[in-house]
């Protein structure tokens, strides 16, 4: 089952960005990116909007395949 963290990790890897490089674009830490990708912490709405800008994608693309619990 897809998760926000899985989708984020796949987008980052498809863009050939390291966690560190992505963190710099997001103005956050590599540790925070890791927490998002491991689904330990969900990004805030502010950070979700930044993610959409960094990858130039829609919210639907970011959440593709994620099912409700």
PDB file of N, CA and C in Angstrom:
ATOM      1  N   UNK A   1       0.839  -1.191   0.000  1.00  0.00           N
ATOM      2  CA  UNK A   1       0.000   0.000   0.000  1.00  0.00           C
ATOM      3  C   UNK A   1       0.881   1.251   0.000  1.00  0.00           C
ATOM      4  N   UNK A   2       0.514   2.186  -0.833  1.00  0.00           N
ATOM      5  CA  UNK A   2       1.267   3.435  -0.930  1.00  0.00           C
ATOM      6  C   UNK A   2       1.021   4.302   0.303  1.00  0.00           C
ATOM      7  N   UNK A   3       2.054   5.035   0.679  1.00  0.00           N
ATOM      8  CA  UNK A   3       1.945   6.016   1.751  1.00  0.00           C
ATOM      9  C   UNK A   3       2.500   7.337   1.231  1.00  0.00           C
ATOM     10  N   UNK A   4       2.217   8.396   1.952  1.00  0.00           N
ATOM     11  CA  UNK A   4       2.768   9.692   1.564  1.00  0.00           C
ATOM     12  C   UNK A   4       4.300   9.620   1.553  1.00  0.00           C
ATOM     13  N   UNK A   5       4.859   8.955   2.557  1.00  0.00           N
ATOM     14  CA  UNK A   5       6.317   8.810   2.629  1.00  0.00           C
ATOM     15  C   UNK A   5       6.885   8.066   1.443  1.00  0.00           C
ATOM     16  N   UNK A   6       6.236   6.958   1.049  1.00  0.00           N
ATOM     17  CA  UNK A   6       6.685   6.195  -0.125  1.00  0.00           C
ATOM     18  C   UNK A   6       6.644   7.049  -1.381  1.00  0.00           C
ATOM     19  N   UNK A   7       5.517   7.743  -1.561  1.00  0.00           N
ATOM     20  CA  UNK A   7       5.372   8.584  -2.741  1.00  0.00           C
ATOM     21  C   UNK A   7       6.420   9.687  -2.770  1.00  0.00           C
ATOM     22  N   UNK A   8       6.675  10.289  -1.627  1.00  0.00           N
ATOM     23  CA  UNK A   8       7.673  11.347  -1.546  1.00  0.00           C
ATOM     24  C   UNK A   8       9.064  10.815  -1.890  1.00  0.00           C
ATOM     25  N   UNK A   9       9.398   9.665  -1.332  1.00  0.00           N
ATOM     26  CA  UNK A   9      10.702   9.054  -1.609  1.00  0.00           C
ATOM     27  C   UNK A   9      10.848   8.734  -3.096  1.00  0.00           C
ATOM     28  N   UNK A  10       9.792   8.178  -3.695  1.00  0.00           N
ATOM     29  CA  UNK A  10       9.843   7.839  -5.126  1.00  0.00           C
ATOM     30  C   UNK A  10       9.992   9.089  -5.985  1.00  0.00           C
ATOM     31  N   UNK A  11       9.291  10.154  -5.638  1.00  0.00           N
ATOM     32  CA  UNK A  11       9.426  11.412  -6.374  1.00  0.00           C
ATOM     33  C   UNK A  11      10.832  11.976  -6.254  1.00  0.00           C
ATOM     34  N   UNK A  12      11.370  11.930  -5.041  1.00  0.00           N
ATOM     35  CA  UNK A  12      12.722  12.456  -4.820  1.00  0.00           C
ATOM     36  C   UNK A  12      13.740  11.666  -5.632  1.00  0.00           C
ATOM     37  N   UNK A  13      13.628  10.337  -5.594  1.00  0.00           N
ATOM     38  CA  UNK A  13      14.581   9.497  -6.334  1.00  0.00           C
ATOM     39  C   UNK A  13      14.430   9.680  -7.840  1.00  0.00           C
ATOM     40  N   UNK A  14      13.189   9.818  -8.316  1.00  0.00           N
ATOM     41  CA  UNK A  14      12.953  10.039  -9.748  1.00  0.00           C
ATOM     42  C   UNK A  14      13.562  11.362 -10.204  1.00  0.00           C
ATOM     43  N   UNK A  15      13.637  12.308  -9.285  1.00  0.00           N
ATOM     44  CA  UNK A  15      14.245  13.608  -9.587  1.00  0.00           C
ATOM     45  C   UNK A  15      15.753  13.609  -9.362  1.00  0.00           C
ATOM     46  N   UNK A  16      16.286  12.437  -8.986  1.00  0.00           N
ATOM     47  CA  UNK A  16      17.723  12.271  -8.743  1.00  0.00           C
ATOM     48  C   UNK A  16      18.255  13.235  -7.682  1.00  0.00           C
ATOM     49  N   UNK A  17      17.458  13.403  -6.619  1.00  0.00           N
ATOM     50  CA  UNK A  17      17.869  14.253  -5.506  1.00  0.00           C
ATOM     51  C   UNK A  17      18.200  13.376  -4.304  1.00  0.00           C
ATOM     52  N   UNK A  18      19.263  13.711  -3.607  1.00  0.00           N
ATOM     53  CA  UNK A  18      19.543  13.054  -2.333  1.00  0.00           C
ATOM     54  C   UNK A  18      18.621  13.660  -1.283  1.00  0.00           C
ATOM     55  N   UNK A  19      18.514  13.002  -0.136  1.00  0.00           N
ATOM     56  CA  UNK A  19      17.717  13.586   0.942  1.00  0.00           C
ATOM     57  C   UNK A  19      18.273  14.951   1.323  1.00  0.00           C
ATOM     58  N   UNK A  20      19.589  15.062   1.325  1.00  0.00           N
ATOM     59  CA  UNK A  20      20.222  16.335   1.697  1.00  0.00           C
ATOM     60  C   UNK A  20      19.867  17.434   0.700  1.00  0.00           C
ATOM     61  N   UNK A  21      19.954  17.117  -0.597  1.00  0.00           N
ATOM     62  CA  UNK A  21      19.632  18.112  -1.628  1.00  0.00           C
ATOM     63  C   UNK A  21      18.168  18.529  -1.551  1.00  0.00           C
ATOM     64  N   UNK A  22      17.297  17.542  -1.350  1.00  0.00           N
ATOM     65  CA  UNK A  22      15.869  17.851  -1.235  1.00  0.00           C
ATOM     66  C   UNK A  22      15.608  18.698   0.005  1.00  0.00           C
ATOM     67  N   UNK A  23      16.267  18.367   1.112  1.00  0.00           N
ATOM     68  CA  UNK A  23      16.110  19.129   2.351  1.00  0.00           C
ATOM     69  C   UNK A  23      16.511  20.588   2.140  1.00  0.00           C
ATOM     70  N   UNK A  24      17.585  20.809   1.388  1.00  0.00           N
ATOM     71  CA  UNK A  24      18.022  22.179   1.115  1.00  0.00           C
ATOM     72  C   UNK A  24      16.961  22.935   0.317  1.00  0.00           C
ATOM     73  N   UNK A  25      16.383  22.276  -0.682  1.00  0.00           N
ATOM     74  CA  UNK A  25      15.333  22.919  -1.469  1.00  0.00           C
ATOM     75  C   UNK A  25      14.107  23.228  -0.603  1.00  0.00           C
ATOM     76  N   UNK A  26      13.863  22.380   0.384  1.00  0.00           N
ATOM     77  CA  UNK A  26      12.710  22.535   1.266  1.00  0.00           C
ATOM     78  C   UNK A  26      13.007  23.447   2.456  1.00  0.00           C
ATOM     79  N   UNK A  27      14.265  23.849   2.595  1.00  0.00           N
ATOM     80  CA  UNK A  27      14.704  24.659   3.736  1.00  0.00           C
ATOM     81  C   UNK A  27      14.402  23.951   5.059  1.00  0.00           C
ATOM     82  N   UNK A  28      14.768  22.664   5.093  1.00  0.00           N
ATOM     83  CA  UNK A  28      14.612  21.858   6.296  1.00  0.00           C
ATOM     84  C   UNK A  28      15.844  20.977   6.435  1.00  0.00           C
ATOM     85  N   UNK A  29      15.796  20.010   7.334  1.00  0.00           N
ATOM     86  CA  UNK A  29      16.953  19.147   7.558  1.00  0.00           C
ATOM     87  C   UNK A  29      16.781  17.803   6.857  1.00  0.00           C
ATOM     88  N   UNK A  30      17.892  17.138   6.623  1.00  0.00           N
ATOM     89  CA  UNK A  30      17.869  15.804   6.036  1.00  0.00           C
ATOM     90  C   UNK A  30      17.135  14.850   6.961  1.00  0.00           C
ATOM     91  N   UNK A  31      17.292  15.044   8.256  1.00  0.00           N
ATOM     92  CA  UNK A  31      16.612  14.192   9.233  1.00  0.00           C
ATOM     93  C   UNK A  31      15.093  14.317   9.100  1.00  0.00           C
ATOM     94  N   UNK A  32      14.601  15.525   8.887  1.00  0.00           N
ATOM     95  CA  UNK A  32      13.159  15.732   8.738  1.00  0.00           C
ATOM     96  C   UNK A  32      12.652  15.038   7.476  1.00  0.00           C
ATOM     97  N   UNK A  33      13.407  15.143   6.377  1.00  0.00           N
ATOM     98  CA  UNK A  33      13.028  14.458   5.132  1.00  0.00           C
ATOM     99  C   UNK A  33      12.961  12.950   5.375  1.00  0.00           C
ATOM    100  N   UNK A  34      13.930  12.417   6.099  1.00  0.00           N
ATOM    101  CA  UNK A  34      13.928  10.990   6.426  1.00  0.00           C
ATOM    102  C   UNK A  34      12.687  10.617   7.229  1.00  0.00           C
ATOM    103  N   UNK A  35      12.322  11.446   8.193  1.00  0.00           N
ATOM    104  CA  UNK A  35      11.129  11.181   9.003  1.00  0.00           C
ATOM    105  C   UNK A  35       9.864  11.180   8.147  1.00  0.00           C
ATOM    106  N   UNK A  36       9.793  12.089   7.172  1.00  0.00           N
ATOM    107  CA  UNK A  36       8.647  12.104   6.270  1.00  0.00           C
ATOM    108  C   UNK A  36       8.601  10.824   5.445  1.00  0.00           C
ATOM    109  N   UNK A  37       9.754  10.449   4.879  1.00  0.00           N
ATOM    110  CA  UNK A  37       9.808   9.289   4.000  1.00  0.00           C
ATOM    111  C   UNK A  37       9.546   7.980   4.742  1.00  0.00           C
ATOM    112  N   UNK A  38       9.873   7.928   6.015  1.00  0.00           N
ATOM    113  CA  UNK A  38       9.633   6.722   6.827  1.00  0.00           C
ATOM    114  C   UNK A  38       8.259   6.760   7.492  1.00  0.00           C
ATOM    115  N   UNK A  39       7.476   7.776   7.178  1.00  0.00           N
ATOM    116  CA  UNK A  39       6.133   7.958   7.744  1.00  0.00           C
ATOM    117  C   UNK A  39       6.148   8.068   9.267  1.00  0.00           C
ATOM    118  N   UNK A  40       7.243   8.593   9.804  1.00  0.00           N
ATOM    119  CA  UNK A  40       7.299   8.844  11.250  1.00  0.00           C
ATOM    120  C   UNK A  40       6.589  10.144  11.587  1.00  0.00           C
ATOM    121  N   UNK A  41       6.677  11.119  10.672  1.00  0.00           N
ATOM    122  CA  UNK A  41       6.069  12.439  10.841  1.00  0.00           C
ATOM    123  C   UNK A  41       5.464  12.829   9.498  1.00  0.00           C
ATOM    124  N   UNK A  42       4.277  13.394   9.527  1.00  0.00           N
ATOM    125  CA  UNK A  42       3.676  13.895   8.295  1.00  0.00           C
ATOM    126  C   UNK A  42       4.079  15.350   8.103  1.00  0.00           C
ATOM    127  N   UNK A  43       4.377  15.728   6.863  1.00  0.00           N
ATOM    128  CA  UNK A  43       4.711  17.133   6.622  1.00  0.00           C
ATOM    129  C   UNK A  43       3.508  18.029   6.906  1.00  0.00           C
ATOM    130  N   UNK A  44       3.786  19.229   7.371  1.00  0.00           N
ATOM    131  CA  UNK A  44       2.715  20.209   7.605  1.00  0.00           C
ATOM    132  C   UNK A  44       2.110  20.616   6.260  1.00  0.00           C
ATOM    133  N   UNK A  45       0.960  21.244   6.301  1.00  0.00           N
ATOM    134  CA  UNK A  45       0.335  21.725   5.075  1.00  0.00           C
ATOM    135  C   UNK A  45       1.278  22.683   4.341  1.00  0.00           C
ATOM    136  N   UNK A  46       1.949  23.534   5.095  1.00  0.00           N
ATOM    137  CA  UNK A  46       2.919  24.470   4.505  1.00  0.00           C
ATOM    138  C   UNK A  46       3.990  23.701   3.733  1.00  0.00           C
ATOM    139  N   UNK A  47       4.515  22.637   4.342  1.00  0.00           N
ATOM    140  CA  UNK A  47       5.558  21.856   3.672  1.00  0.00           C
ATOM    141  C   UNK A  47       5.006  21.037   2.512  1.00  0.00           C
ATOM    142  N   UNK A  48       3.777  20.579   2.611  1.00  0.00           N
ATOM    143  CA  UNK A  48       3.174  19.870   1.473  1.00  0.00           C
ATOM    144  C   UNK A  48       3.082  20.811   0.275  1.00  0.00           C
ATOM    145  N   UNK A  49       2.682  22.050   0.516  1.00  0.00           N
ATOM    146  CA  UNK A  49       2.608  23.021  -0.579  1.00  0.00           C
ATOM    147  C   UNK A  49       3.992  23.266  -1.184  1.00  0.00           C
ATOM    148  N   UNK A  50       5.025  23.300  -0.340  1.00  0.00           N
ATOM    149  CA  UNK A  50       6.396  23.471  -0.840  1.00  0.00           C
ATOM    150  C   UNK A  50       6.830  22.256  -1.657  1.00  0.00           C
ATOM    151  N   UNK A  51       6.452  21.063  -1.195  1.00  0.00           N
ATOM    152  CA  UNK A  51       6.784  19.829  -1.930  1.00  0.00           C
ATOM    153  C   UNK A  51       6.168  19.881  -3.330  1.00  0.00           C
ATOM    154  N   UNK A  52       4.910  20.293  -3.411  1.00  0.00           N
ATOM    155  CA  UNK A  52       4.240  20.386  -4.707  1.00  0.00           C
ATOM    156  C   UNK A  52       4.983  21.337  -5.641  1.00  0.00           C
ATOM    157  N   UNK A  53       5.481  22.446  -5.096  1.00  0.00           N
ATOM    158  CA  UNK A  53       6.242  23.406  -5.906  1.00  0.00           C
ATOM    159  C   UNK A  53       7.584  22.837  -6.340  1.00  0.00           C
ATOM    160  N   UNK A  54       8.299  22.204  -5.409  1.00  0.00           N
ATOM    161  CA  UNK A  54       9.628  21.666  -5.728  1.00  0.00           C
ATOM    162  C   UNK A  54       9.545  20.652  -6.865  1.00  0.00           C
ATOM    163  N   UNK A  55       8.538  19.776  -6.806  1.00  0.00           N
ATOM    164  CA  UNK A  55       8.404  18.740  -7.830  1.00  0.00           C
ATOM    165  C   UNK A  55       7.486  19.151  -8.984  1.00  0.00           C
ATOM    166  N   UNK A  56       6.867  20.330  -8.886  1.00  0.00           N
ATOM    167  CA  UNK A  56       5.946  20.824  -9.904  1.00  0.00           C
ATOM    168  C   UNK A  56       4.872  19.775 -10.202  1.00  0.00           C
ATOM    169  N   UNK A  57       4.187  19.354  -9.134  1.00  0.00           N
ATOM    170  CA  UNK A  57       3.142  18.339  -9.242  1.00  0.00           C
ATOM    171  C   UNK A  57       1.875  18.817  -8.535  1.00  0.00           C
ATOM    172  N   UNK A  58       0.789  18.088  -8.764  1.00  0.00           N
ATOM    173  CA  UNK A  58      -0.468  18.395  -8.089  1.00  0.00           C
ATOM    174  C   UNK A  58      -0.552  17.575  -6.793  1.00  0.00           C
ATOM    175  N   UNK A  59      -1.485  17.966  -5.939  1.00  0.00           N
ATOM    176  CA  UNK A  59      -1.726  17.220  -4.708  1.00  0.00           C
ATOM    177  C   UNK A  59      -2.142  15.787  -5.032  1.00  0.00           C
ATOM    178  N   UNK A  60      -2.931  15.627  -6.084  1.00  0.00           N
ATOM    179  CA  UNK A  60      -3.380  14.296  -6.496  1.00  0.00           C
ATOM    180  C   UNK A  60      -2.200  13.411  -6.884  1.00  0.00           C
ATOM    181  N   UNK A  61      -1.210  13.996  -7.560  1.00  0.00           N
ATOM    182  CA  UNK A  61      -0.024  13.223  -7.932  1.00  0.00           C
ATOM    183  C   UNK A  61       0.768  12.803  -6.694  1.00  0.00           C
ATOM    184  N   UNK A  62       0.863  13.685  -5.722  1.00  0.00           N
ATOM    185  CA  UNK A  62       1.590  13.377  -4.494  1.00  0.00           C
ATOM    186  C   UNK A  62       0.905  12.264  -3.706  1.00  0.00           C
ATOM    187  N   UNK A  63      -0.423  12.253  -3.722  1.00  0.00           N
ATOM    188  CA  UNK A  63      -1.165  11.295  -2.904  1.00  0.00           C
ATOM    189  C   UNK A  63      -1.669  10.093  -3.707  1.00  0.00           C
ATOM    190  N   UNK A  64      -1.203   9.919  -4.920  1.00  0.00           N
ATOM    191  CA  UNK A  64      -1.655   8.834  -5.782  1.00  0.00           C
ATOM    192  C   UNK A  64      -1.447   7.470  -5.116  1.00  0.00           C
ATOM    193  N   UNK A  65      -2.506   6.685  -5.069  1.00  0.00           N
ATOM    194  CA  UNK A  65      -2.419   5.330  -4.544  1.00  0.00           C
ATOM    195  C   UNK A  65      -2.607   5.202  -3.046  1.00  0.00           C
ATOM    196  N   UNK A  66      -2.700   6.325  -2.347  1.00  0.00           N
ATOM    197  CA  UNK A  66      -2.877   6.277  -0.896  1.00  0.00           C
ATOM    198  C   UNK A  66      -4.354   6.029  -0.594  1.00  0.00           C
ATOM    199  N   UNK A  67      -4.620   5.015   0.206  1.00  0.00           N
ATOM    200  CA  UNK A  67      -5.992   4.678   0.542  1.00  0.00           C
ATOM    201  C   UNK A  67      -6.306   5.155   1.949  1.00  0.00           C
ATOM    202  N   UNK A  68      -7.587   5.431   2.187  1.00  0.00           N
ATOM    203  CA  UNK A  68      -8.022   5.821   3.536  1.00  0.00           C
ATOM    204  C   UNK A  68      -7.910   4.634   4.474  1.00  0.00           C
ATOM    205  N   UNK A  69      -7.629   4.927   5.725  1.00  0.00           N
ATOM    206  CA  UNK A  69      -7.554   3.865   6.733  1.00  0.00           C
ATOM    207  C   UNK A  69      -8.927   3.404   7.144  1.00  0.00           C
TER     208      UNK A  69
END
